[in-house]
Amino acid sequence: MAKKVQIVEPCLIDGQHHEAGEVLELDDAVARLLTACARVREFVEDEERSEAEPEASKPITLKVRSQE
């Protein structure tokens, strides 16, 4: 069975270079092994991710005011 993973940091997998953000479909056993590494995570569709991630892990936007 194939599983989708997303590259978090640029890395080599099976001798091929992959960039951050790429989504690969790999064998389940290989995907499980690679997701143990911080450079690869299990791919989650955007709708599923918003439900699965707690508020604290979502990106925030900060506005900086100059103090003149």
PDB file of N, CA and C in Angstrom:
ATOM      1  N   MET A   1       0.842  -1.182   0.000  1.00  0.00           N
ATOM      2  CA  MET A   1       0.000   0.000   0.000  1.00  0.00           C
ATOM      3  C   MET A   1       0.889   1.247   0.000  1.00  0.00           C
ATOM      4  N   ALA A   2       0.551   2.246  -0.763  1.00  0.00           N
ATOM      5  CA  ALA A   2       1.339   3.473  -0.854  1.00  0.00           C
ATOM      6  C   ALA A   2       0.819   4.518   0.130  1.00  0.00           C
ATOM      7  N   LYS A   3       1.748   5.326   0.611  1.00  0.00           N
ATOM      8  CA  LYS A   3       1.411   6.377   1.563  1.00  0.00           C
ATOM      9  C   LYS A   3       2.082   7.669   1.100  1.00  0.00           C
ATOM     10  N   LYS A   4       1.408   8.797   1.279  1.00  0.00           N
ATOM     11  CA  LYS A   4       1.987  10.078   0.877  1.00  0.00           C
ATOM     12  C   LYS A   4       2.760  10.687   2.043  1.00  0.00           C
ATOM     13  N   VAL A   5       3.946  11.225   1.719  1.00  0.00           N
ATOM     14  CA  VAL A   5       4.756  11.947   2.696  1.00  0.00           C
ATOM     15  C   VAL A   5       5.114  13.301   2.106  1.00  0.00           C
ATOM     16  N   GLN A   6       5.374  14.260   2.979  1.00  0.00           N
ATOM     17  CA  GLN A   6       5.763  15.600   2.539  1.00  0.00           C
ATOM     18  C   GLN A   6       7.166  15.889   3.045  1.00  0.00           C
ATOM     19  N   ILE A   7       7.993  16.433   2.171  1.00  0.00           N
ATOM     20  CA  ILE A   7       9.359  16.786   2.523  1.00  0.00           C
ATOM     21  C   ILE A   7       9.325  18.094   3.313  1.00  0.00           C
ATOM     22  N   VAL A   8       9.949  18.108   4.491  1.00  0.00           N
ATOM     23  CA  VAL A   8       9.983  19.296   5.344  1.00  0.00           C
ATOM     24  C   VAL A   8      11.250  20.104   5.071  1.00  0.00           C
ATOM     25  N   GLU A   9      12.387  19.407   4.918  1.00  0.00           N
ATOM     26  CA  GLU A   9      13.668  20.046   4.612  1.00  0.00           C
ATOM     27  C   GLU A   9      14.269  19.328   3.404  1.00  0.00           C
ATOM     28  N   PRO A  10      15.019  20.046   2.555  1.00  0.00           N
ATOM     29  CA  PRO A  10      15.644  19.400   1.400  1.00  0.00           C
ATOM     30  C   PRO A  10      16.463  18.181   1.840  1.00  0.00           C
ATOM     31  N   CYS A  11      16.358  17.086   1.097  1.00  0.00           N
ATOM     32  CA  CYS A  11      17.083  15.873   1.463  1.00  0.00           C
ATOM     33  C   CYS A  11      17.205  14.938   0.262  1.00  0.00           C
ATOM     34  N   LEU A  12      18.043  13.919   0.417  1.00  0.00           N
ATOM     35  CA  LEU A  12      18.195  12.875  -0.592  1.00  0.00           C
ATOM     36  C   LEU A  12      17.406  11.656  -0.146  1.00  0.00           C
ATOM     37  N   ILE A  13      16.595  11.114  -1.041  1.00  0.00           N
ATOM     38  CA  ILE A  13      15.878   9.872  -0.776  1.00  0.00           C
ATOM     39  C   ILE A  13      16.144   8.963  -1.959  1.00  0.00           C
ATOM     40  N   ASP A  14      16.732   7.827  -1.677  1.00  0.00           N
ATOM     41  CA  ASP A  14      17.070   6.856  -2.714  1.00  0.00           C
ATOM     42  C   ASP A  14      17.921   7.488  -3.814  1.00  0.00           C
ATOM     43  N   GLY A  15      18.848   8.370  -3.408  1.00  0.00           N
ATOM     44  CA  GLY A  15      19.765   8.998  -4.349  1.00  0.00           C
ATOM     45  C   GLY A  15      19.204  10.167  -5.130  1.00  0.00           C
ATOM     46  N   GLN A  16      17.950  10.545  -4.871  1.00  0.00           N
ATOM     47  CA  GLN A  16      17.338  11.671  -5.579  1.00  0.00           C
ATOM     48  C   GLN A  16      17.119  12.833  -4.617  1.00  0.00           C
ATOM     49  N   HIS A  17      17.438  14.035  -5.092  1.00  0.00           N
ATOM     50  CA  HIS A  17      17.264  15.243  -4.278  1.00  0.00           C
ATOM     51  C   HIS A  17      15.795  15.669  -4.292  1.00  0.00           C
ATOM     52  N   HIS A  18      15.275  15.999  -3.120  1.00  0.00           N
ATOM     53  CA  HIS A  18      13.895  16.469  -2.995  1.00  0.00           C
ATOM     54  C   HIS A  18      13.879  17.772  -2.209  1.00  0.00           C
ATOM     55  N   GLU A  19      13.058  18.707  -2.654  1.00  0.00           N
ATOM     56  CA  GLU A  19      12.948  20.023  -2.028  1.00  0.00           C
ATOM     57  C   GLU A  19      11.826  20.047  -0.994  1.00  0.00           C
ATOM     58  N   ALA A  20      11.908  20.998  -0.067  1.00  0.00           N
ATOM     59  CA  ALA A  20      10.869  21.185   0.944  1.00  0.00           C
ATOM     60  C   ALA A  20       9.530  21.460   0.264  1.00  0.00           C
ATOM     61  N   GLY A  21       8.481  20.845   0.766  1.00  0.00           N
ATOM     62  CA  GLY A  21       7.149  21.038   0.212  1.00  0.00           C
ATOM     63  C   GLY A  21       6.728  19.967  -0.778  1.00  0.00           C
ATOM     64  N   GLU A  22       7.684  19.211  -1.310  1.00  0.00           N
ATOM     65  CA  GLU A  22       7.338  18.145  -2.260  1.00  0.00           C
ATOM     66  C   GLU A  22       6.526  17.061  -1.564  1.00  0.00           C
ATOM     67  N   VAL A  23       5.601  16.473  -2.286  1.00  0.00           N
ATOM     68  CA  VAL A  23       4.806  15.356  -1.776  1.00  0.00           C
ATOM     69  C   VAL A  23       5.155  14.125  -2.600  1.00  0.00           C
ATOM     70  N   LEU A  24       5.527  13.052  -1.913  1.00  0.00           N
ATOM     71  CA  LEU A  24       5.905  11.809  -2.576  1.00  0.00           C
ATOM     72  C   LEU A  24       4.971  10.690  -2.146  1.00  0.00           C
ATOM     73  N   GLU A  25       4.739   9.757  -3.043  1.00  0.00           N
ATOM     74  CA  GLU A  25       3.952   8.578  -2.700  1.00  0.00           C
ATOM     75  C   GLU A  25       4.921   7.409  -2.612  1.00  0.00           C
ATOM     76  N   LEU A  26       5.066   6.859  -1.408  1.00  0.00           N
ATOM     77  CA  LEU A  26       6.040   5.809  -1.157  1.00  0.00           C
ATOM     78  C   LEU A  26       5.376   4.568  -0.578  1.00  0.00           C
ATOM     79  N   ASP A  27       6.097   3.462  -0.645  1.00  0.00           N
ATOM     80  CA  ASP A  27       5.645   2.231  -0.014  1.00  0.00           C
ATOM     81  C   ASP A  27       5.411   2.505   1.474  1.00  0.00           C
ATOM     82  N   ASP A  28       4.404   1.891   2.052  1.00  0.00           N
ATOM     83  CA  ASP A  28       4.016   2.138   3.439  1.00  0.00           C
ATOM     84  C   ASP A  28       5.180   1.951   4.412  1.00  0.00           C
ATOM     85  N   ALA A  29       5.950   0.884   4.257  1.00  0.00           N
ATOM     86  CA  ALA A  29       7.070   0.616   5.159  1.00  0.00           C
ATOM     87  C   ALA A  29       8.145   1.692   5.037  1.00  0.00           C
ATOM     88  N   VAL A  30       8.442   2.116   3.820  1.00  0.00           N
ATOM     89  CA  VAL A  30       9.442   3.163   3.590  1.00  0.00           C
ATOM     90  C   VAL A  30       8.945   4.486   4.164  1.00  0.00           C
ATOM     91  N   ALA A  31       7.689   4.806   3.932  1.00  0.00           N
ATOM     92  CA  ALA A  31       7.109   6.050   4.445  1.00  0.00           C
ATOM     93  C   ALA A  31       7.166   6.082   5.967  1.00  0.00           C
ATOM     94  N   ARG A  32       6.853   4.968   6.608  1.00  0.00           N
ATOM     95  CA  ARG A  32       6.882   4.897   8.069  1.00  0.00           C
ATOM     96  C   ARG A  32       8.296   5.138   8.590  1.00  0.00           C
ATOM     97  N   LEU A  33       9.279   4.553   7.927  1.00  0.00           N
ATOM     98  CA  LEU A  33      10.672   4.726   8.321  1.00  0.00           C
ATOM     99  C   LEU A  33      11.111   6.180   8.148  1.00  0.00           C
ATOM    100  N   LEU A  34      10.785   6.783   7.005  1.00  0.00           N
ATOM    101  CA  LEU A  34      11.211   8.153   6.727  1.00  0.00           C
ATOM    102  C   LEU A  34      10.525   9.182   7.619  1.00  0.00           C
ATOM    103  N   THR A  35       9.274   8.948   7.999  1.00  0.00           N
ATOM    104  CA  THR A  35       8.578   9.927   8.839  1.00  0.00           C
ATOM    105  C   THR A  35       9.136   9.958  10.256  1.00  0.00           C
ATOM    106  N   ALA A  36       9.976   8.996  10.610  1.00  0.00           N
ATOM    107  CA  ALA A  36      10.669   9.037  11.899  1.00  0.00           C
ATOM    108  C   ALA A  36      11.753  10.116  11.879  1.00  0.00           C
ATOM    109  N   CYS A  37      12.141  10.539  10.685  1.00  0.00           N
ATOM    110  CA  CYS A  37      13.141  11.592  10.499  1.00  0.00           C
ATOM    111  C   CYS A  37      12.444  12.951  10.500  1.00  0.00           C
ATOM    112  N   ALA A  38      13.102  13.965  11.037  1.00  0.00           N
ATOM    113  CA  ALA A  38      12.505  15.304  11.118  1.00  0.00           C
ATOM    114  C   ALA A  38      12.351  15.964   9.747  1.00  0.00           C
ATOM    115  N   ARG A  39      13.004  15.448   8.717  1.00  0.00           N
ATOM    116  CA  ARG A  39      12.947  16.074   7.392  1.00  0.00           C
ATOM    117  C   ARG A  39      11.738  15.651   6.568  1.00  0.00           C
ATOM    118  N   VAL A  40      11.019  14.647   7.039  1.00  0.00           N
ATOM    119  CA  VAL A  40       9.873  14.109   6.299  1.00  0.00           C
ATOM    120  C   VAL A  40       8.713  13.919   7.271  1.00  0.00           C
ATOM    121  N   ARG A  41       7.502  14.252   6.826  1.00  0.00           N
ATOM    122  CA  ARG A  41       6.322  14.008   7.665  1.00  0.00           C
ATOM    123  C   ARG A  41       5.221  13.399   6.812  1.00  0.00           C
ATOM    124  N   GLU A  42       4.278  12.773   7.492  1.00  0.00           N
ATOM    125  CA  GLU A  42       3.144  12.196   6.782  1.00  0.00           C
ATOM    126  C   GLU A  42       2.351  13.326   6.150  1.00  0.00           C
ATOM    127  N   PHE A  43       1.956  13.153   4.892  1.00  0.00           N
ATOM    128  CA  PHE A  43       1.207  14.186   4.185  1.00  0.00           C
ATOM    129  C   PHE A  43      -0.236  14.177   4.656  1.00  0.00           C
ATOM    130  N   VAL A  44      -0.739  15.364   4.991  1.00  0.00           N
ATOM    131  CA  VAL A  44      -2.125  15.529   5.421  1.00  0.00           C
ATOM    132  C   VAL A  44      -2.737  16.616   4.553  1.00  0.00           C
ATOM    133  N   GLU A  45      -3.896  16.333   3.977  1.00  0.00           N
ATOM    134  CA  GLU A  45      -4.590  17.331   3.159  1.00  0.00           C
ATOM    135  C   GLU A  45      -4.868  18.565   4.009  1.00  0.00           C
ATOM    136  N   ASP A  46      -4.961  19.745   3.401  1.00  0.00           N
ATOM    137  CA  ASP A  46      -5.164  21.000   4.126  1.00  0.00           C
ATOM    138  C   ASP A  46      -6.375  20.969   5.044  1.00  0.00           C
ATOM    139  N   GLU A  47      -7.500  20.412   4.591  1.00  0.00           N
ATOM    140  CA  GLU A  47      -8.704  20.379   5.416  1.00  0.00           C
ATOM    141  C   GLU A  47      -8.489  19.503   6.635  1.00  0.00           C
ATOM    142  N   GLU A  48      -7.836  18.352   6.448  1.00  0.00           N
ATOM    143  CA  GLU A  48      -7.574  17.447   7.562  1.00  0.00           C
ATOM    144  C   GLU A  48      -6.581  18.070   8.528  1.00  0.00           C
ATOM    145  N   ARG A  49      -5.563  18.771   7.994  1.00  0.00           N
ATOM    146  CA  ARG A  49      -4.539  19.369   8.836  1.00  0.00           C
ATOM    147  C   ARG A  49      -5.141  20.414   9.761  1.00  0.00           C
ATOM    148  N   SER A  50      -6.056  21.241   9.260  1.00  0.00           N
ATOM    149  CA  SER A  50      -6.630  22.295  10.089  1.00  0.00           C
ATOM    150  C   SER A  50      -7.409  21.704  11.258  1.00  0.00           C
ATOM    151  N   GLU A  51      -7.998  20.533  11.067  1.00  0.00           N
ATOM    152  CA  GLU A  51      -8.717  19.886  12.159  1.00  0.00           C
ATOM    153  C   GLU A  51      -7.758  19.155  13.086  1.00  0.00           C
ATOM    154  N   ALA A  52      -6.695  18.589  12.531  1.00  0.00           N
ATOM    155  CA  ALA A  52      -5.781  17.764  13.312  1.00  0.00           C
ATOM    156  C   ALA A  52      -4.797  18.580  14.141  1.00  0.00           C
ATOM    157  N   GLU A  53      -4.410  19.760  13.688  1.00  0.00           N
ATOM    158  CA  GLU A  53      -3.419  20.558  14.398  1.00  0.00           C
ATOM    159  C   GLU A  53      -4.081  21.457  15.424  1.00  0.00           C
ATOM    160  N   PRO A  54      -3.534  21.489  16.620  1.00  0.00           N
ATOM    161  CA  PRO A  54      -4.073  22.413  17.618  1.00  0.00           C
ATOM    162  C   PRO A  54      -3.740  23.855  17.244  1.00  0.00           C
ATOM    163  N   GLU A  55      -4.475  24.784  17.801  1.00  0.00           N
ATOM    164  CA  GLU A  55      -4.280  26.206  17.485  1.00  0.00           C
ATOM    165  C   GLU A  55      -2.837  26.650  17.693  1.00  0.00           C
ATOM    166  N   ALA A  56      -2.180  26.154  18.726  1.00  0.00           N
ATOM    167  CA  ALA A  56      -0.825  26.594  19.047  1.00  0.00           C
ATOM    168  C   ALA A  56       0.171  26.283  17.936  1.00  0.00           C
ATOM    169  N   SER A  57      -0.081  25.275  17.114  1.00  0.00           N
ATOM    170  CA  SER A  57       0.873  24.918  16.078  1.00  0.00           C
ATOM    171  C   SER A  57       0.615  25.630  14.755  1.00  0.00           C
ATOM    172  N   LYS A  58      -0.451  26.397  14.674  1.00  0.00           N
ATOM    173  CA  LYS A  58      -0.740  27.128  13.440  1.00  0.00           C
ATOM    174  C   LYS A  58       0.139  28.378  13.377  1.00  0.00           C
ATOM    175  N   PRO A  59       0.549  28.793  12.179  1.00  0.00           N
ATOM    176  CA  PRO A  59       1.393  29.980  12.066  1.00  0.00           C
ATOM    177  C   PRO A  59       0.653  31.234  12.516  1.00  0.00           C
ATOM    178  N   ILE A  60       1.416  32.147  13.095  1.00  0.00           N
ATOM    179  CA  ILE A  60       0.826  33.417  13.516  1.00  0.00           C
ATOM    180  C   ILE A  60       1.519  34.547  12.769  1.00  0.00           C
ATOM    181  N   THR A  61       0.850  35.667  12.644  1.00  0.00           N
ATOM    182  CA  THR A  61       1.419  36.838  11.984  1.00  0.00           C
ATOM    183  C   THR A  61       1.633  37.912  13.031  1.00  0.00           C
ATOM    184  N   LEU A  62       2.842  38.429  13.077  1.00  0.00           N
ATOM    185  CA  LEU A  62       3.164  39.486  14.028  1.00  0.00           C
ATOM    186  C   LEU A  62       3.339  40.795  13.281  1.00  0.00           C
ATOM    187  N   LYS A  63       2.810  41.867  13.837  1.00  0.00           N
ATOM    188  CA  LYS A  63       2.997  43.190  13.258  1.00  0.00           C
ATOM    189  C   LYS A  63       3.927  43.968  14.179  1.00  0.00           C
ATOM    190  N   VAL A  64       4.948  44.557  13.583  1.00  0.00           N
ATOM    191  CA  VAL A  64       5.935  45.296  14.361  1.00  0.00           C
ATOM    192  C   VAL A  64       5.733  46.780  14.122  1.00  0.00           C
ATOM    193  N   ARG A  65       5.615  47.529  15.208  1.00  0.00           N
ATOM    194  CA  ARG A  65       5.476  48.987  15.098  1.00  0.00           C
ATOM    195  C   ARG A  65       6.811  49.636  15.436  1.00  0.00           C
ATOM    196  N   SER A  66       7.179  50.631  14.668  1.00  0.00           N
ATOM    197  CA  SER A  66       8.422  51.339  14.979  1.00  0.00           C
ATOM    198  C   SER A  66       8.181  52.252  16.175  1.00  0.00           C
ATOM    199  N   GLN A  67       9.203  52.419  16.986  1.00  0.00           N
ATOM    200  CA  GLN A  67       9.081  53.250  18.182  1.00  0.00           C
ATOM    201  C   GLN A  67       9.853  54.543  17.974  1.00  0.00           C
ATOM    202  N   GLU A  68       9.345  55.393  17.117  1.00  0.00           N
ATOM    203  CA  GLU A  68      10.024  56.660  16.811  1.00  0.00           C
ATOM    204  C   GLU A  68       9.470  57.784  17.633  1.00  0.00           C
TER     205      GLU A  68
END
